[in-house]
Amino acid sequence: MRIEEIRQLPIEEVELRLRDALEEYANLRFQHATRQLDNPLRLRMIRKDIARLKTVIREHQLGIRLAPGAQQASEQEKA
């Protein structure tokens, strides 16, 4: 998942995807420990996705970037 795609999502969707990615990462780590993992590169990809998702959430918390729905609301408040 690309960062531009993540930034277009509402923050609730980003948080939901983060929970899903963390679950998948835990499952992949378990498979890796039991030597049942077919594609070890998938671990790295999921870790990077988690970092991207957390970055977008933190940007939202700091007000660096607002979610698309929040941008529209803030523009309406200014008008």
PDB file of N, CA and C in Angstrom:
ATOM      1  N   MET A   1       0.839  -1.162   0.000  1.00  0.00           N
ATOM      2  CA  MET A   1       0.000   0.000   0.000  1.00  0.00           C
ATOM      3  C   MET A   1       0.894   1.238   0.000  1.00  0.00           C
ATOM      4  N   ARG A   2       0.580   2.171  -0.865  1.00  0.00           N
ATOM      5  CA  ARG A   2       1.389   3.377  -0.976  1.00  0.00           C
ATOM      6  C   ARG A   2       0.895   4.437  -0.001  1.00  0.00           C
ATOM      7  N   ILE A   3       1.792   5.310   0.419  1.00  0.00           N
ATOM      8  CA  ILE A   3       1.470   6.336   1.407  1.00  0.00           C
ATOM      9  C   ILE A   3       0.404   7.292   0.883  1.00  0.00           C
ATOM     10  N   GLU A   4       0.422   7.587  -0.413  1.00  0.00           N
ATOM     11  CA  GLU A   4      -0.583   8.483  -0.983  1.00  0.00           C
ATOM     12  C   GLU A   4      -1.980   7.876  -0.857  1.00  0.00           C
ATOM     13  N   GLU A   5      -2.066   6.571  -1.053  1.00  0.00           N
ATOM     14  CA  GLU A   5      -3.351   5.882  -0.926  1.00  0.00           C
ATOM     15  C   GLU A   5      -3.835   5.923   0.518  1.00  0.00           C
ATOM     16  N   ILE A   6      -2.926   5.743   1.453  1.00  0.00           N
ATOM     17  CA  ILE A   6      -3.292   5.743   2.871  1.00  0.00           C
ATOM     18  C   ILE A   6      -3.778   7.124   3.289  1.00  0.00           C
ATOM     19  N   ARG A   7      -3.123   8.165   2.803  1.00  0.00           N
ATOM     20  CA  ARG A   7      -3.498   9.529   3.188  1.00  0.00           C
ATOM     21  C   ARG A   7      -4.872   9.923   2.658  1.00  0.00           C
ATOM     22  N   GLN A   8      -5.355   9.253   1.633  1.00  0.00           N
ATOM     23  CA  GLN A   8      -6.679   9.554   1.086  1.00  0.00           C
ATOM     24  C   GLN A   8      -7.800   8.926   1.907  1.00  0.00           C
ATOM     25  N   LEU A   9      -7.457   7.980   2.769  1.00  0.00           N
ATOM     26  CA  LEU A   9      -8.466   7.272   3.561  1.00  0.00           C
ATOM     27  C   LEU A   9      -8.860   8.084   4.790  1.00  0.00           C
ATOM     28  N   PRO A  10     -10.099   7.921   5.248  1.00  0.00           N
ATOM     29  CA  PRO A  10     -10.476   8.535   6.536  1.00  0.00           C
ATOM     30  C   PRO A  10      -9.663   7.898   7.664  1.00  0.00           C
ATOM     31  N   ILE A  11      -9.447   8.632   8.731  1.00  0.00           N
ATOM     32  CA  ILE A  11      -8.581   8.166   9.819  1.00  0.00           C
ATOM     33  C   ILE A  11      -9.120   6.889  10.457  1.00  0.00           C
ATOM     34  N   GLU A  12     -10.443   6.726  10.496  1.00  0.00           N
ATOM     35  CA  GLU A  12     -11.031   5.509  11.068  1.00  0.00           C
ATOM     36  C   GLU A  12     -10.630   4.286  10.250  1.00  0.00           C
ATOM     37  N   GLU A  13     -10.615   4.450   8.931  1.00  0.00           N
ATOM     38  CA  GLU A  13     -10.216   3.351   8.042  1.00  0.00           C
ATOM     39  C   GLU A  13      -8.731   3.030   8.224  1.00  0.00           C
ATOM     40  N   VAL A  14      -7.915   4.045   8.416  1.00  0.00           N
ATOM     41  CA  VAL A  14      -6.480   3.840   8.637  1.00  0.00           C
ATOM     42  C   VAL A  14      -6.262   3.046   9.921  1.00  0.00           C
ATOM     43  N   GLU A  15      -6.991   3.411  10.976  1.00  0.00           N
ATOM     44  CA  GLU A  15      -6.856   2.689  12.243  1.00  0.00           C
ATOM     45  C   GLU A  15      -7.323   1.250  12.112  1.00  0.00           C
ATOM     46  N   LEU A  16      -8.379   1.030  11.347  1.00  0.00           N
ATOM     47  CA  LEU A  16      -8.871  -0.329  11.112  1.00  0.00           C
ATOM     48  C   LEU A  16      -7.831  -1.151  10.349  1.00  0.00           C
ATOM     49  N   ARG A  17      -7.247  -0.554   9.334  1.00  0.00           N
ATOM     50  CA  ARG A  17      -6.221  -1.263   8.563  1.00  0.00           C
ATOM     51  C   ARG A  17      -4.979  -1.539   9.405  1.00  0.00           C
ATOM     52  N   LEU A  18      -4.675  -0.635  10.330  1.00  0.00           N
ATOM     53  CA  LEU A  18      -3.537  -0.860  11.223  1.00  0.00           C
ATOM     54  C   LEU A  18      -3.791  -2.079  12.099  1.00  0.00           C
ATOM     55  N   ARG A  19      -4.998  -2.189  12.660  1.00  0.00           N
ATOM     56  CA  ARG A  19      -5.327  -3.353  13.491  1.00  0.00           C
ATOM     57  C   ARG A  19      -5.217  -4.645  12.680  1.00  0.00           C
ATOM     58  N   ASP A  20      -5.722  -4.615  11.444  1.00  0.00           N
ATOM     59  CA  ASP A  20      -5.646  -5.798  10.587  1.00  0.00           C
ATOM     60  C   ASP A  20      -4.199  -6.160  10.269  1.00  0.00           C
ATOM     61  N   ALA A  21      -3.382  -5.150   9.986  1.00  0.00           N
ATOM     62  CA  ALA A  21      -1.977  -5.397   9.657  1.00  0.00           C
ATOM     63  C   ALA A  21      -1.225  -5.958  10.859  1.00  0.00           C
ATOM     64  N   LEU A  22      -1.522  -5.456  12.048  1.00  0.00           N
ATOM     65  CA  LEU A  22      -0.865  -5.977  13.249  1.00  0.00           C
ATOM     66  C   LEU A  22      -1.249  -7.429  13.503  1.00  0.00           C
ATOM     67  N   GLU A  23      -2.511  -7.761  13.261  1.00  0.00           N
ATOM     68  CA  GLU A  23      -2.950  -9.159  13.400  1.00  0.00           C
ATOM     69  C   GLU A  23      -2.231 -10.051  12.399  1.00  0.00           C
ATOM     70  N   GLU A  24      -2.175  -9.588  11.157  1.00  0.00           N
ATOM     71  CA  GLU A  24      -1.512 -10.380  10.120  1.00  0.00           C
ATOM     72  C   GLU A  24      -0.027 -10.549  10.441  1.00  0.00           C
ATOM     73  N   TYR A  25       0.606  -9.494  10.949  1.00  0.00           N
ATOM     74  CA  TYR A  25       2.019  -9.571  11.303  1.00  0.00           C
ATOM     75  C   TYR A  25       2.254 -10.597  12.409  1.00  0.00           C
ATOM     76  N   ALA A  26       1.374 -10.621  13.399  1.00  0.00           N
ATOM     77  CA  ALA A  26       1.503 -11.600  14.483  1.00  0.00           C
ATOM     78  C   ALA A  26       1.372 -13.019  13.941  1.00  0.00           C
ATOM     79  N   ASN A  27       0.420 -13.230  13.040  1.00  0.00           N
ATOM     80  CA  ASN A  27       0.247 -14.554  12.443  1.00  0.00           C
ATOM     81  C   ASN A  27       1.466 -14.957  11.616  1.00  0.00           C
ATOM     82  N   LEU A  28       1.997 -14.015  10.851  1.00  0.00           N
ATOM     83  CA  LEU A  28       3.171 -14.315  10.030  1.00  0.00           C
ATOM     84  C   LEU A  28       4.391 -14.625  10.899  1.00  0.00           C
ATOM     85  N   ARG A  29       4.546 -13.913  11.999  1.00  0.00           N
ATOM     86  CA  ARG A  29       5.675 -14.194  12.899  1.00  0.00           C
ATOM     87  C   ARG A  29       5.560 -15.585  13.496  1.00  0.00           C
ATOM     88  N   PHE A  30       4.336 -15.980  13.830  1.00  0.00           N
ATOM     89  CA  PHE A  30       4.126 -17.324  14.361  1.00  0.00           C
ATOM     90  C   PHE A  30       4.476 -18.367  13.299  1.00  0.00           C
ATOM     91  N   GLN A  31       4.019 -18.144  12.071  1.00  0.00           N
ATOM     92  CA  GLN A  31       4.337 -19.073  10.981  1.00  0.00           C
ATOM     93  C   GLN A  31       5.842 -19.122  10.738  1.00  0.00           C
ATOM     94  N   HIS A  32       6.487 -17.974  10.829  1.00  0.00           N
ATOM     95  CA  HIS A  32       7.929 -17.925  10.617  1.00  0.00           C
ATOM     96  C   HIS A  32       8.665 -18.712  11.706  1.00  0.00           C
ATOM     97  N   ALA A  33       8.199 -18.603  12.935  1.00  0.00           N
ATOM     98  CA  ALA A  33       8.834 -19.309  14.049  1.00  0.00           C
ATOM     99  C   ALA A  33       8.673 -20.817  13.917  1.00  0.00           C
ATOM    100  N   THR A  34       7.558 -21.248  13.342  1.00  0.00           N
ATOM    101  CA  THR A  34       7.315 -22.684  13.176  1.00  0.00           C
ATOM    102  C   THR A  34       7.761 -23.179  11.803  1.00  0.00           C
ATOM    103  N   ARG A  35       8.437 -22.314  11.068  1.00  0.00           N
ATOM    104  CA  ARG A  35       8.979 -22.635   9.740  1.00  0.00           C
ATOM    105  C   ARG A  35       7.902 -23.052   8.742  1.00  0.00           C
ATOM    106  N   GLN A  36       6.749 -22.411   8.827  1.00  0.00           N
ATOM    107  CA  GLN A  36       5.666 -22.685   7.886  1.00  0.00           C
ATOM    108  C   GLN A  36       5.434 -21.517   6.931  1.00  0.00           C
ATOM    109  N   LEU A  37       6.240 -20.484   7.040  1.00  0.00           N
ATOM    110  CA  LEU A  37       6.054 -19.288   6.229  1.00  0.00           C
ATOM    111  C   LEU A  37       6.627 -19.511   4.838  1.00  0.00           C
ATOM    112  N   ASP A  38       5.783 -19.321   3.820  1.00  0.00           N
ATOM    113  CA  ASP A  38       6.212 -19.531   2.440  1.00  0.00           C
ATOM    114  C   ASP A  38       7.025 -18.350   1.912  1.00  0.00           C
ATOM    115  N   ASN A  39       6.619 -17.141   2.257  1.00  0.00           N
ATOM    116  CA  ASN A  39       7.265 -15.956   1.721  1.00  0.00           C
ATOM    117  C   ASN A  39       7.759 -15.061   2.863  1.00  0.00           C
ATOM    118  N   PRO A  40       9.013 -15.190   3.279  1.00  0.00           N
ATOM    119  CA  PRO A  40       9.522 -14.384   4.388  1.00  0.00           C
ATOM    120  C   PRO A  40       9.567 -12.885   4.069  1.00  0.00           C
ATOM    121  N   LEU A  41       9.568 -12.526   2.802  1.00  0.00           N
ATOM    122  CA  LEU A  41       9.556 -11.120   2.418  1.00  0.00           C
ATOM    123  C   LEU A  41       8.251 -10.447   2.846  1.00  0.00           C
ATOM    124  N   ARG A  42       7.205 -11.233   2.992  1.00  0.00           N
ATOM    125  CA  ARG A  42       5.906 -10.700   3.418  1.00  0.00           C
ATOM    126  C   ARG A  42       6.005 -10.049   4.802  1.00  0.00           C
ATOM    127  N   LEU A  43       6.857 -10.583   5.681  1.00  0.00           N
ATOM    128  CA  LEU A  43       7.067  -9.983   7.004  1.00  0.00           C
ATOM    129  C   LEU A  43       7.555  -8.541   6.876  1.00  0.00           C
ATOM    130  N   ARG A  44       8.525  -8.335   6.023  1.00  0.00           N
ATOM    131  CA  ARG A  44       9.082  -7.002   5.828  1.00  0.00           C
ATOM    132  C   ARG A  44       8.043  -6.059   5.232  1.00  0.00           C
ATOM    133  N   MET A  45       7.279  -6.564   4.272  1.00  0.00           N
ATOM    134  CA  MET A  45       6.258  -5.729   3.636  1.00  0.00           C
ATOM    135  C   MET A  45       5.196  -5.291   4.646  1.00  0.00           C
ATOM    136  N   ILE A  46       4.756  -6.210   5.488  1.00  0.00           N
ATOM    137  CA  ILE A  46       3.743  -5.882   6.495  1.00  0.00           C
ATOM    138  C   ILE A  46       4.306  -4.893   7.513  1.00  0.00           C
ATOM    139  N   ARG A  47       5.562  -5.081   7.916  1.00  0.00           N
ATOM    140  CA  ARG A  47       6.190  -4.159   8.865  1.00  0.00           C
ATOM    141  C   ARG A  47       6.233  -2.738   8.300  1.00  0.00           C
ATOM    142  N   LYS A  48       6.552  -2.624   7.024  1.00  0.00           N
ATOM    143  CA  LYS A  48       6.603  -1.303   6.396  1.00  0.00           C
ATOM    144  C   LYS A  48       5.206  -0.700   6.264  1.00  0.00           C
ATOM    145  N   ASP A  49       4.214  -1.532   5.965  1.00  0.00           N
ATOM    146  CA  ASP A  49       2.831  -1.043   5.913  1.00  0.00           C
ATOM    147  C   ASP A  49       2.397  -0.518   7.277  1.00  0.00           C
ATOM    148  N   ILE A  50       2.762  -1.243   8.335  1.00  0.00           N
ATOM    149  CA  ILE A  50       2.422  -0.810   9.696  1.00  0.00           C
ATOM    150  C   ILE A  50       3.072   0.543   9.980  1.00  0.00           C
ATOM    151  N   ALA A  51       4.309   0.713   9.583  1.00  0.00           N
ATOM    152  CA  ALA A  51       5.000   1.987   9.804  1.00  0.00           C
ATOM    153  C   ALA A  51       4.312   3.113   9.040  1.00  0.00           C
ATOM    154  N   ARG A  52       3.896   2.849   7.810  1.00  0.00           N
ATOM    155  CA  ARG A  52       3.198   3.872   7.025  1.00  0.00           C
ATOM    156  C   ARG A  52       1.878   4.261   7.682  1.00  0.00           C
ATOM    157  N   LEU A  53       1.133   3.262   8.133  1.00  0.00           N
ATOM    158  CA  LEU A  53      -0.152   3.525   8.778  1.00  0.00           C
ATOM    159  C   LEU A  53       0.037   4.332  10.062  1.00  0.00           C
ATOM    160  N   LYS A  54       1.031   3.954  10.857  1.00  0.00           N
ATOM    161  CA  LYS A  54       1.290   4.688  12.099  1.00  0.00           C
ATOM    162  C   LYS A  54       1.741   6.117  11.812  1.00  0.00           C
ATOM    163  N   THR A  55       2.483   6.313  10.737  1.00  0.00           N
ATOM    164  CA  THR A  55       2.928   7.650  10.359  1.00  0.00           C
ATOM    165  C   THR A  55       1.741   8.541  10.029  1.00  0.00           C
ATOM    166  N   VAL A  56       0.799   8.020   9.261  1.00  0.00           N
ATOM    167  CA  VAL A  56      -0.376   8.805   8.887  1.00  0.00           C
ATOM    168  C   VAL A  56      -1.220   9.126  10.118  1.00  0.00           C
ATOM    169  N   ILE A  57      -1.358   8.169  11.022  1.00  0.00           N
ATOM    170  CA  ILE A  57      -2.116   8.416  12.253  1.00  0.00           C
ATOM    171  C   ILE A  57      -1.429   9.507  13.075  1.00  0.00           C
ATOM    172  N   ARG A  58      -0.119   9.446  13.186  1.00  0.00           N
ATOM    173  CA  ARG A  58       0.615  10.448  13.962  1.00  0.00           C
ATOM    174  C   ARG A  58       0.530  11.822  13.297  1.00  0.00           C
ATOM    175  N   GLU A  59       0.602  11.879  11.971  1.00  0.00           N
ATOM    176  CA  GLU A  59       0.444  13.149  11.268  1.00  0.00           C
ATOM    177  C   GLU A  59      -0.917  13.756  11.583  1.00  0.00           C
ATOM    178  N   HIS A  60      -1.927  12.914  11.633  1.00  0.00           N
ATOM    179  CA  HIS A  60      -3.271  13.388  11.945  1.00  0.00           C
ATOM    180  C   HIS A  60      -3.332  13.921  13.377  1.00  0.00           C
ATOM    181  N   GLN A  61      -2.699  13.223  14.317  1.00  0.00           N
ATOM    182  CA  GLN A  61      -2.696  13.658  15.715  1.00  0.00           C
ATOM    183  C   GLN A  61      -2.000  15.008  15.879  1.00  0.00           C
ATOM    184  N   LEU A  62      -0.919  15.205  15.147  1.00  0.00           N
ATOM    185  CA  LEU A  62      -0.161  16.445  15.255  1.00  0.00           C
ATOM    186  C   LEU A  62      -0.749  17.570  14.409  1.00  0.00           C
ATOM    187  N   GLY A  63      -1.692  17.230  13.543  1.00  0.00           N
ATOM    188  CA  GLY A  63      -2.295  18.233  12.682  1.00  0.00           C
ATOM    189  C   GLY A  63      -1.450  18.565  11.473  1.00  0.00           C
ATOM    190  N   ILE A  64      -0.465  17.747  11.188  1.00  0.00           N
ATOM    191  CA  ILE A  64       0.388  17.972  10.023  1.00  0.00           C
ATOM    192  C   ILE A  64      -0.411  17.764   8.746  1.00  0.00           C
ATOM    193  N   ARG A  65      -1.144  16.688   8.722  1.00  0.00           N
ATOM    194  CA  ARG A  65      -2.027  16.389   7.596  1.00  0.00           C
ATOM    195  C   ARG A  65      -3.362  15.968   8.168  1.00  0.00           C
ATOM    196  N   LEU A  66      -4.402  16.471   7.573  1.00  0.00           N
ATOM    197  CA  LEU A  66      -5.734  16.089   8.009  1.00  0.00           C
ATOM    198  C   LEU A  66      -6.298  15.055   7.060  1.00  0.00           C
ATOM    199  N   ALA A  67      -7.166  14.217   7.576  1.00  0.00           N
ATOM    200  CA  ALA A  67      -7.850  13.232   6.742  1.00  0.00           C
ATOM    201  C   ALA A  67      -8.744  13.979   5.758  1.00  0.00           C
ATOM    202  N   PRO A  68      -9.068  13.381   4.611  1.00  0.00           N
ATOM    203  CA  PRO A  68      -9.864  14.069   3.595  1.00  0.00           C
ATOM    204  C   PRO A  68     -11.170  14.646   4.131  1.00  0.00           C
ATOM    205  N   GLY A  69     -11.906  13.917   4.939  1.00  0.00           N
ATOM    206  CA  GLY A  69     -13.152  14.415   5.501  1.00  0.00           C
ATOM    207  C   GLY A  69     -12.916  15.570   6.455  1.00  0.00           C
ATOM    208  N   ALA A  70     -11.836  15.523   7.193  1.00  0.00           N
ATOM    209  CA  ALA A  70     -11.518  16.580   8.150  1.00  0.00           C
ATOM    210  C   ALA A  70     -11.107  17.859   7.426  1.00  0.00           C
ATOM    211  N   GLN A  71     -10.466  17.736   6.276  1.00  0.00           N
ATOM    212  CA  GLN A  71     -10.066  18.910   5.514  1.00  0.00           C
ATOM    213  C   GLN A  71     -11.294  19.673   5.046  1.00  0.00           C
ATOM    214  N   GLN A  72     -12.289  18.965   4.576  1.00  0.00           N
ATOM    215  CA  GLN A  72     -13.505  19.608   4.099  1.00  0.00           C
ATOM    216  C   GLN A  72     -14.218  20.304   5.246  1.00  0.00           C
ATOM    217  N   ALA A  73     -14.262  19.679   6.411  1.00  0.00           N
ATOM    218  CA  ALA A  73     -14.926  20.266   7.571  1.00  0.00           C
ATOM    219  C   ALA A  73     -14.200  21.527   8.033  1.00  0.00           C
ATOM    220  N   SER A  74     -12.871  21.492   8.044  1.00  0.00           N
ATOM    221  CA  SER A  74     -12.120  22.663   8.495  1.00  0.00           C
ATOM    222  C   SER A  74     -12.260  23.818   7.506  1.00  0.00           C
ATOM    223  N   GLU A  75     -12.371  23.530   6.223  1.00  0.00           N
ATOM    224  CA  GLU A  75     -12.567  24.575   5.223  1.00  0.00           C
ATOM    225  C   GLU A  75     -13.942  25.213   5.379  1.00  0.00           C
ATOM    226  N   GLN A  76     -14.946  24.420   5.722  1.00  0.00           N
ATOM    227  CA  GLN A  76     -16.291  24.946   5.910  1.00  0.00           C
ATOM    228  C   GLN A  76     -16.354  25.816   7.159  1.00  0.00           C
ATOM    229  N   GLU A  77     -15.606  25.451   8.202  1.00  0.00           N
ATOM    230  CA  GLU A  77     -15.590  26.237   9.432  1.00  0.00           C
ATOM    231  C   GLU A  77     -14.952  27.599   9.203  1.00  0.00           C
ATOM    232  N   LYS A  78     -13.941  27.659   8.343  1.00  0.00           N
ATOM    233  CA  LYS A  78     -13.255  28.917   8.065  1.00  0.00           C
ATOM    234  C   LYS A  78     -14.141  29.875   7.273  1.00  0.00           C
ATOM    235  N   ALA A  79     -15.029  29.319   6.464  1.00  0.00           N
ATOM    236  CA  ALA A  79     -15.877  30.161   5.597  1.00  0.00           C
ATOM    237  C   ALA A  79     -17.008  30.817   6.338  1.00  0.00           C
TER     238      ALA A  79
END
